[in-house]
Protein backbone atom coordinates (compact mmCIF):
# COMPACT_ATOMS: atom_id res chain seq x y z
CA MET A 1 30.38 -22.04 -4.06
CA ASN A 2 33.45 -21.00 -2.11
CA SER A 3 35.46 -21.08 -5.32
CA LYS A 4 33.01 -18.71 -6.98
CA LEU A 5 33.08 -16.30 -4.05
CA SER A 6 36.80 -16.40 -4.01
CA THR A 7 36.94 -15.55 -7.71
CA GLY A 8 34.47 -12.67 -7.24
CA GLN A 9 36.44 -11.36 -4.33
CA LYS A 10 39.58 -11.42 -6.48
CA CYS A 11 37.83 -9.41 -9.19
CA HIS A 12 36.64 -6.90 -6.61
CA ASN A 13 40.12 -6.53 -5.19
CA ARG A 14 41.56 -6.09 -8.66
CA SER A 15 38.97 -3.36 -9.39
CA ASP A 16 39.87 -1.52 -6.18
CA HIS A 17 43.52 -1.70 -7.12
CA ASN A 18 42.79 -0.24 -10.60
CA ASP A 19 40.70 2.59 -9.09
CA LYS A 20 43.46 3.50 -6.65
CA SER A 21 46.02 3.41 -9.46
CA THR A 22 43.85 5.67 -11.61
CA GLN A 23 43.35 8.09 -8.72
CA LYS A 24 47.09 8.24 -8.12
CA LYS A 25 47.77 8.96 -11.80
CA ARG A 26 45.05 11.62 -11.84
CA SER A 27 46.36 13.22 -8.67
CA LYS A 28 49.89 13.23 -10.06
CA LEU A 29 48.64 14.75 -13.32
CA LEU A 30 46.77 17.49 -11.49
CA LYS A 31 49.82 18.31 -9.39
CA GLU A 32 52.01 18.55 -12.47
CA THR A 33 49.47 20.54 -14.58
CA LYS A 34 49.98 24.30 -14.64
CA ILE A 35 47.42 26.92 -15.65
CA THR A 36 49.50 27.62 -18.73
CA ASP A 37 48.90 24.01 -19.85
CA ILE A 38 45.17 24.70 -20.21
CA ASN A 39 44.06 25.46 -23.75
CA CYS A 40 42.91 28.96 -24.68
CA ASP A 41 39.21 28.08 -25.01
CA CYS A 42 39.08 26.77 -21.44
CA LEU A 43 40.98 29.79 -20.15
CA GLU A 44 38.47 32.11 -21.79
CA LYS A 45 35.63 30.32 -19.96
CA ILE A 46 37.47 30.75 -16.66
CA PHE A 47 38.41 34.41 -17.22
CA GLU A 48 34.80 35.32 -18.04
CA TYR A 49 34.15 35.33 -14.27
CA LEU A 50 36.97 37.74 -13.38
CA ALA A 51 36.45 41.37 -12.42
CA ILE A 52 38.14 43.83 -14.73
CA GLY A 53 40.98 44.55 -12.28
CA ASP A 54 41.79 40.84 -11.94
CA LEU A 55 41.56 40.42 -15.71
CA LEU A 56 44.13 43.21 -16.16
CA ASN A 57 46.56 41.55 -13.73
CA VAL A 58 46.16 38.18 -15.47
CA ASP A 59 46.80 39.78 -18.86
CA ASP A 60 49.96 41.40 -17.53
CA SER A 61 51.33 38.23 -15.90
CA ASN A 62 52.02 35.80 -18.75
CA LYS A 63 52.12 35.81 -22.56
CA TRP A 64 49.94 32.69 -22.86
CA LEU A 65 47.35 33.99 -20.40
CA LYS A 66 47.43 37.37 -22.12
CA LEU A 67 45.92 35.93 -25.28
CA ALA A 68 42.84 34.58 -23.50
CA ALA A 69 42.51 37.63 -21.21
CA ALA A 70 42.64 40.03 -24.18
CA ILE A 71 39.93 38.05 -25.99
CA VAL A 72 37.70 38.15 -22.91
CA PHE A 73 38.26 41.88 -22.43
CA GLY A 74 37.37 42.60 -26.05
CA ARG A 75 34.20 40.53 -25.77
CA LYS A 76 33.02 41.85 -22.39
CA PHE A 77 34.33 45.42 -22.30
CA GLY A 78 35.58 46.40 -25.77
CA HIS A 79 32.35 48.20 -26.66
CA LYS A 80 32.33 50.28 -23.46
CA ASN A 81 33.61 53.82 -23.10
CA VAL A 82 36.98 54.02 -21.31
CA LYS A 83 37.84 57.11 -19.28
CA ILE A 84 41.41 57.57 -18.09
CA THR A 85 42.52 60.33 -15.74
CA ASP A 86 45.77 61.33 -14.06
CA ILE A 87 44.24 61.25 -10.57
CA TYR A 88 42.83 58.35 -8.57
CA PRO A 89 39.01 58.16 -8.72
CA LYS A 90 37.20 57.61 -5.44
CA TYR A 91 36.18 54.10 -6.51
CA GLY A 92 39.79 52.94 -7.01
CA ALA A 93 42.37 52.87 -9.77
CA LEU A 94 40.21 50.65 -12.00
CA SER A 95 36.44 50.31 -11.85
CA GLU A 96 33.32 50.10 -13.96
CA ARG A 97 30.71 52.78 -13.31
CA ASP A 98 27.45 53.18 -15.23
CA GLY A 99 28.79 51.40 -18.30
CA THR A 100 32.08 53.32 -18.32
CA ILE A 101 35.47 51.86 -17.40
CA VAL A 102 37.31 54.40 -15.23
CA VAL A 103 41.10 54.13 -14.98
CA GLY A 104 43.01 56.44 -12.64
CA GLY A 105 46.63 57.16 -11.82
CA LEU A 106 49.58 57.10 -14.19
CA LYS A 107 50.78 53.57 -13.40
CA THR A 108 47.39 51.93 -13.88
CA CYS A 109 46.64 54.02 -17.00
CA LEU A 110 49.84 52.88 -18.68
CA GLN A 111 49.30 49.24 -17.66
CA PHE A 112 45.73 49.33 -18.97
CA LEU A 113 46.70 50.90 -22.31
CA ARG A 114 49.56 48.44 -22.79
CA CYS A 115 47.40 45.41 -22.04
CA PHE A 116 44.00 46.32 -23.49
CA GLY A 117 44.62 49.36 -25.72
CA GLU A 118 44.26 47.29 -28.89
CA SER A 119 40.63 46.49 -27.93
CA VAL A 120 39.52 49.98 -26.82
CA LYS A 121 37.14 51.68 -29.25
CA LYS A 122 36.00 54.74 -27.25
CA LEU A 123 38.52 56.66 -25.14
CA ASP A 124 38.00 59.73 -22.96
CA VAL A 125 41.21 61.26 -21.54
CA SER A 126 40.95 63.85 -18.77
CA PHE A 127 44.03 65.68 -17.48
CA VAL A 128 43.03 67.16 -14.13
CA ASP A 129 46.41 67.82 -12.50
CA SER A 130 48.41 70.18 -14.73
CA THR A 131 51.52 69.70 -12.55
CA LYS A 132 52.02 66.07 -13.63
CA LYS A 133 55.31 65.59 -15.48
CA HIS A 134 54.61 62.28 -17.18
CA HIS A 135 51.62 63.10 -19.36
CA SER A 136 53.72 62.49 -22.48
CA HIS A 137 53.92 58.79 -21.52
CA VAL A 138 50.13 58.58 -21.77
CA ASP A 139 50.32 60.18 -25.24
CA GLU A 140 52.87 57.61 -26.38
CA TYR A 141 50.87 54.66 -25.11
CA ILE A 142 47.64 55.89 -26.69
CA ASN A 143 49.39 56.30 -30.03
CA ASP A 144 51.30 53.01 -29.76
CA TYR A 145 48.51 50.73 -28.55
CA CYS A 146 45.21 52.38 -29.59
CA ALA A 147 45.96 53.82 -33.04
CA ASP A 148 44.30 50.96 -34.94
CA SER A 149 41.33 50.29 -32.64
CA LEU A 150 39.97 53.68 -31.57
CA GLY A 151 36.85 54.99 -33.26
CA GLN A 152 36.22 57.83 -30.81
CA LEU A 153 38.74 59.99 -28.94
CA ARG A 154 38.13 62.90 -26.56
CA VAL A 155 40.88 64.73 -24.65
CA TYR A 156 40.19 67.40 -22.03
CA GLY A 157 42.45 69.72 -20.03
CA ARG A 158 45.90 69.03 -21.47
CA LEU A 159 47.92 72.20 -20.80
CA THR A 160 51.21 70.97 -22.28
CA SER A 161 51.83 70.04 -25.90
CA LEU A 162 49.54 67.10 -26.67
CA MET A 163 50.96 64.25 -28.75
CA LYS A 164 53.87 66.34 -29.97
CA ASP A 165 55.68 63.16 -31.08
CA ILE A 166 52.75 61.39 -32.73
CA SER A 167 54.02 58.76 -35.19
CA LYS A 168 51.07 56.53 -36.13
CA PRO A 169 47.81 57.71 -37.70
CA PHE A 170 44.57 56.85 -35.92
CA SER A 171 43.18 55.03 -38.91
CA ALA A 172 39.72 54.24 -37.49
CA VAL A 173 38.89 57.41 -35.50
CA GLU A 174 35.69 58.99 -36.79
CA SER A 175 34.85 61.21 -33.81
CA LEU A 176 37.50 63.55 -32.35
CA CYS A 177 37.14 66.11 -29.57
CA PHE A 178 39.76 68.39 -28.00
CA GLU A 179 38.71 70.74 -25.21
CA GLU A 180 40.99 73.14 -23.31
CA CYS A 181 44.16 71.58 -24.71
CA VAL A 182 47.46 72.79 -26.10
CA LEU A 183 47.87 70.75 -29.26
CA GLY A 184 51.25 69.67 -30.61
CA SER A 185 52.18 71.16 -33.99
CA LYS A 186 52.27 67.72 -35.67
CA LEU A 187 48.93 66.68 -34.19
CA THR A 188 47.07 69.61 -35.76
CA GLN A 189 47.51 68.06 -39.21
CA PHE A 190 44.15 66.45 -38.55
CA ASN A 191 43.60 65.11 -42.06
CA VAL A 192 46.95 63.26 -41.85
CA TRP A 193 46.59 61.68 -38.41
CA PHE A 194 42.80 61.14 -38.52
CA PRO A 195 42.06 60.22 -42.15
CA ARG A 196 38.54 58.83 -41.45
CA LEU A 197 37.34 61.82 -39.43
CA ARG A 198 33.57 62.49 -39.54
CA HIS A 199 32.98 64.53 -36.36
CA LEU A 200 35.45 67.19 -35.19
CA VAL A 201 34.97 69.21 -31.98
CA LEU A 202 37.43 71.97 -31.01
CA PHE A 203 36.73 74.18 -27.99
CA THR A 204 39.13 76.54 -26.17
CA ASN A 205 42.29 75.02 -27.59
CA CYS A 206 45.66 76.49 -28.43
CA LEU A 207 46.31 75.21 -31.93
CA ASN A 208 47.30 76.17 -35.43
CA PRO A 209 43.99 77.52 -36.83
CA THR A 210 44.89 76.58 -40.41
CA SER A 211 44.59 72.92 -39.41
CA ILE A 212 40.84 73.06 -40.16
CA GLN A 213 41.24 74.82 -43.51
CA VAL A 214 42.18 71.58 -45.23
CA SER A 215 39.74 69.24 -46.91
CA PHE A 216 38.42 66.29 -44.91
CA PRO A 217 36.90 63.74 -47.31
CA TYR A 218 34.46 62.31 -44.73
CA LEU A 219 33.79 65.25 -42.39
CA GLU A 220 30.08 65.61 -41.59
CA HIS A 221 30.02 67.64 -38.35
CA LEU A 222 32.21 70.49 -37.11
CA ALA A 223 31.87 72.16 -33.70
CA THR A 224 34.04 75.10 -32.74
CA GLU A 225 33.94 78.63 -31.38
CA ILE A 226 34.74 82.22 -32.17
CA ASN A 227 36.41 84.07 -29.29
CA HIS A 228 38.20 87.15 -30.64
CA GLY A 229 41.02 88.60 -28.60
CA ARG A 230 42.01 85.32 -26.96
CA SER A 231 44.87 82.94 -27.67
CA THR A 232 42.35 80.18 -28.35
CA ASP A 233 40.54 82.06 -31.15
CA ILE A 234 40.32 79.95 -34.27
CA GLY A 235 39.65 83.03 -36.41
CA THR A 236 36.69 83.83 -38.64
CA GLU A 237 38.79 83.76 -41.82
CA ASN A 238 40.07 80.28 -41.00
CA LEU A 239 36.57 79.10 -40.21
CA LYS A 240 35.28 80.49 -43.52
CA MET A 241 37.99 78.63 -45.41
CA ALA A 242 37.20 75.42 -43.51
CA LEU A 243 33.51 75.58 -44.44
CA GLY A 244 34.23 76.53 -48.03
CA GLY A 245 36.78 73.73 -48.41
CA ASN A 246 34.46 71.03 -47.08
CA PRO A 247 31.21 71.19 -49.07
CA GLN A 248 30.24 67.72 -47.79
CA LEU A 249 29.84 69.18 -44.26
CA ARG A 250 26.21 68.97 -43.16
CA SER A 251 26.17 69.79 -39.44
CA LEU A 252 27.73 72.86 -37.77
CA TYR A 253 27.92 74.09 -34.18
CA ILE A 254 29.40 77.53 -33.52
CA ARG A 255 29.79 79.01 -30.05
CA VAL A 256 30.36 82.76 -30.03
CA ASP A 257 32.19 83.75 -26.85
CA THR A 258 33.87 87.10 -27.32
CA ALA A 259 33.74 90.43 -25.52
CA GLU A 260 35.12 92.19 -28.58
CA LYS A 261 32.94 93.51 -31.35
CA PHE A 262 31.57 90.70 -33.47
CA VAL A 263 28.61 91.75 -35.61
CA PHE A 264 26.08 89.36 -37.00
CA ASP A 265 27.30 90.11 -40.53
CA ASP A 266 30.51 88.25 -39.67
CA PHE A 267 28.52 85.23 -38.56
CA ILE A 268 26.49 85.21 -41.77
CA GLU A 269 29.68 85.47 -43.82
CA VAL A 270 30.99 82.37 -42.06
CA ILE A 271 27.95 80.11 -42.46
CA CYS A 272 27.15 81.11 -46.06
CA GLN A 273 30.44 79.55 -47.17
CA ASN A 274 28.62 76.21 -47.13
CA PRO A 275 24.98 76.55 -48.21
CA PHE A 276 24.50 72.76 -47.96
CA ILE A 277 24.47 72.72 -44.15
CA ASP A 278 21.17 71.28 -42.96
CA ASN A 279 21.77 71.31 -39.18
CA LEU A 280 22.97 74.49 -37.43
CA GLN A 281 23.46 74.93 -33.70
CA THR A 282 24.78 78.17 -32.28
CA HIS A 283 25.10 79.73 -28.84
CA TRP A 284 25.96 83.38 -28.17
CA TYR A 285 27.41 84.50 -24.86
CA TYR A 286 27.45 88.17 -25.90
CA THR A 287 24.34 89.38 -27.69
CA HIS A 288 24.55 93.15 -27.23
CA THR A 289 26.52 93.74 -30.44
CA PHE A 290 23.66 93.45 -32.93
CA HIS A 291 19.91 93.75 -33.27
CA ASN A 292 18.07 90.47 -33.61
CA SER A 293 15.05 91.61 -35.63
CA ASP A 294 16.18 89.92 -38.85
CA VAL A 295 18.61 87.33 -37.49
CA LEU A 296 16.51 84.29 -38.26
CA CYS A 297 15.52 85.35 -41.75
CA ARG A 298 19.12 86.03 -42.70
CA ILE A 299 20.11 82.57 -41.47
CA ALA A 300 17.34 81.07 -43.59
CA LYS A 301 18.58 82.95 -46.65
CA ALA A 302 22.21 81.91 -46.08
CA LEU A 303 21.31 78.24 -45.54
CA PRO A 304 18.47 77.25 -47.88
CA SER A 305 18.92 73.52 -47.10
CA LEU A 306 18.47 74.01 -43.35
CA THR A 307 16.16 71.46 -41.69
CA GLU A 308 17.24 71.90 -38.04
CA LEU A 309 18.17 75.10 -36.19
CA HIS A 310 19.07 75.40 -32.50
CA PHE A 311 19.75 78.99 -31.44
CA THR A 312 20.47 79.81 -27.78
CA GLY A 313 21.92 82.87 -26.06
CA LEU A 314 19.59 85.20 -27.96
CA VAL A 315 15.89 85.66 -27.24
CA PHE A 316 13.11 86.12 -29.80
CA LYS A 317 9.56 87.43 -30.00
CA ASN A 318 6.50 85.59 -31.28
CA VAL A 319 6.30 87.72 -34.41
CA GLU A 320 9.94 86.98 -35.30
CA ILE A 321 9.36 83.25 -34.92
CA ALA A 322 6.19 83.33 -37.04
CA ARG A 323 7.87 85.32 -39.83
CA PHE A 324 10.84 82.97 -39.88
CA LEU A 325 8.70 79.82 -40.05
CA ASP A 326 6.63 81.32 -42.83
CA GLN A 327 9.73 81.99 -44.93
CA HIS A 328 11.51 78.71 -44.22
CA LYS A 329 9.17 75.87 -45.13
CA SER A 330 11.86 73.17 -45.20
CA LEU A 331 12.57 73.49 -41.47
CA LYS A 332 11.64 70.40 -39.45
CA LYS A 333 13.02 71.24 -35.99
CA PHE A 334 13.71 74.56 -34.30
CA SER A 335 14.87 75.38 -30.75
CA PHE A 336 15.02 78.91 -29.31
CA VAL A 337 14.33 81.03 -26.23
CA LEU A 338 11.32 83.35 -26.01
CA SER A 339 11.61 86.88 -24.71
CA MET A 340 10.21 87.42 -21.24
CA GLY A 341 6.57 88.37 -21.39
CA TYR A 342 5.84 86.59 -24.66
CA ALA A 343 3.36 83.84 -23.92
CA TYR A 344 4.30 80.26 -24.58
CA LYS A 345 0.64 79.24 -24.60
CA PHE A 346 -0.10 81.79 -27.31
CA LEU A 347 2.68 80.38 -29.47
CA GLN A 348 1.39 76.89 -28.79
CA SER A 349 -2.11 77.82 -29.86
CA VAL A 350 -0.94 79.48 -33.07
CA LEU A 351 1.47 76.72 -34.18
CA GLY A 352 -0.16 73.69 -32.57
CA ASN A 353 -1.80 72.44 -35.76
CA ILE A 354 1.51 72.15 -37.66
CA TRP A 355 4.17 71.85 -34.96
CA ASN A 356 4.66 69.91 -31.76
CA VAL A 357 5.56 72.62 -29.25
CA SER A 358 7.42 71.89 -26.00
CA ARG A 359 9.28 73.90 -23.38
CA ASP A 360 11.91 72.92 -20.80
CA ARG A 361 12.66 74.43 -17.38
CA ASN A 362 15.10 76.94 -18.92
CA ASN A 363 12.36 78.33 -21.17
CA LEU A 364 13.90 76.68 -24.24
CA ILE A 365 11.15 76.18 -26.80
CA THR A 366 11.40 73.28 -29.23
CA LEU A 367 9.25 73.07 -32.35
CA GLN A 368 9.11 69.85 -34.33
CA ARG A 369 6.93 69.02 -37.33
């Protein structure tokens, strides 16, 4: 009996010794293990819990960690819109607000583009402080790190030559918008640097107007303006050549913002260069230069394929609307503003059987079949 107990006690002691030995080995292993010894799959699981600012710092700290951090960023944030600005936003240099990643300040912008630029698909760049001297660094980083990933690019407020030293084409960009920018001479070769372009928006820019005369194989939508007498005027002749040279264009937005004489005949000459346009939006800031009695009917004649028309800045009467709809049977959606004194309810009663009629707080009427 004593012999058996003694043997059991020996086994128990031996087991305790083995457990302590195992614990010592495990403790030693943990002390000697570095985060860079962890495989990439495990690192990804860990980094999933990091805020975007911490993820950026991890990515920028080590080449091995960068791989896992970049994968996590692409999975969690790659589909989100990224807005970078040259000033610090009130929520900090890097934050996520309403589904948009906001990056502020030159240092953080450059760090973000260097680390995560290859995963960014939608980029909005806003230059608020025109006195900044290092905007060209942002250009270089966007071109170096985002050229292959971006599908959408918008730049606002750049008052010095934008991307004057561009060297890599943005091979995946389909939507491009420049507003209130001075564009570098190389950049304005849009069909060279943006070969997949489908949507092009140009408002109040200083650029070479002939840059839109060229053919864009995939261009579907063009938005621009006519503002005679200003340095940002793209020119009616250039616009006519752009429409005539891109018969595949289907959607057009033209903003007319000029104090100089611009008659409606000029506008008709522009849009009739492409009779295949089926969606026309136009806004006029100066409407005193022509009579609007036959405006709509002339648009219908110039664009026989038109299915949607949105016309603001000029007001119409009930009789003009009725005549236009009678002559243009293919139209499916139409937005306009009624003249003061012309009853919305009357229009609704006349068209209610064929059209859904609605009105917003600015008296914009929308008809939809």
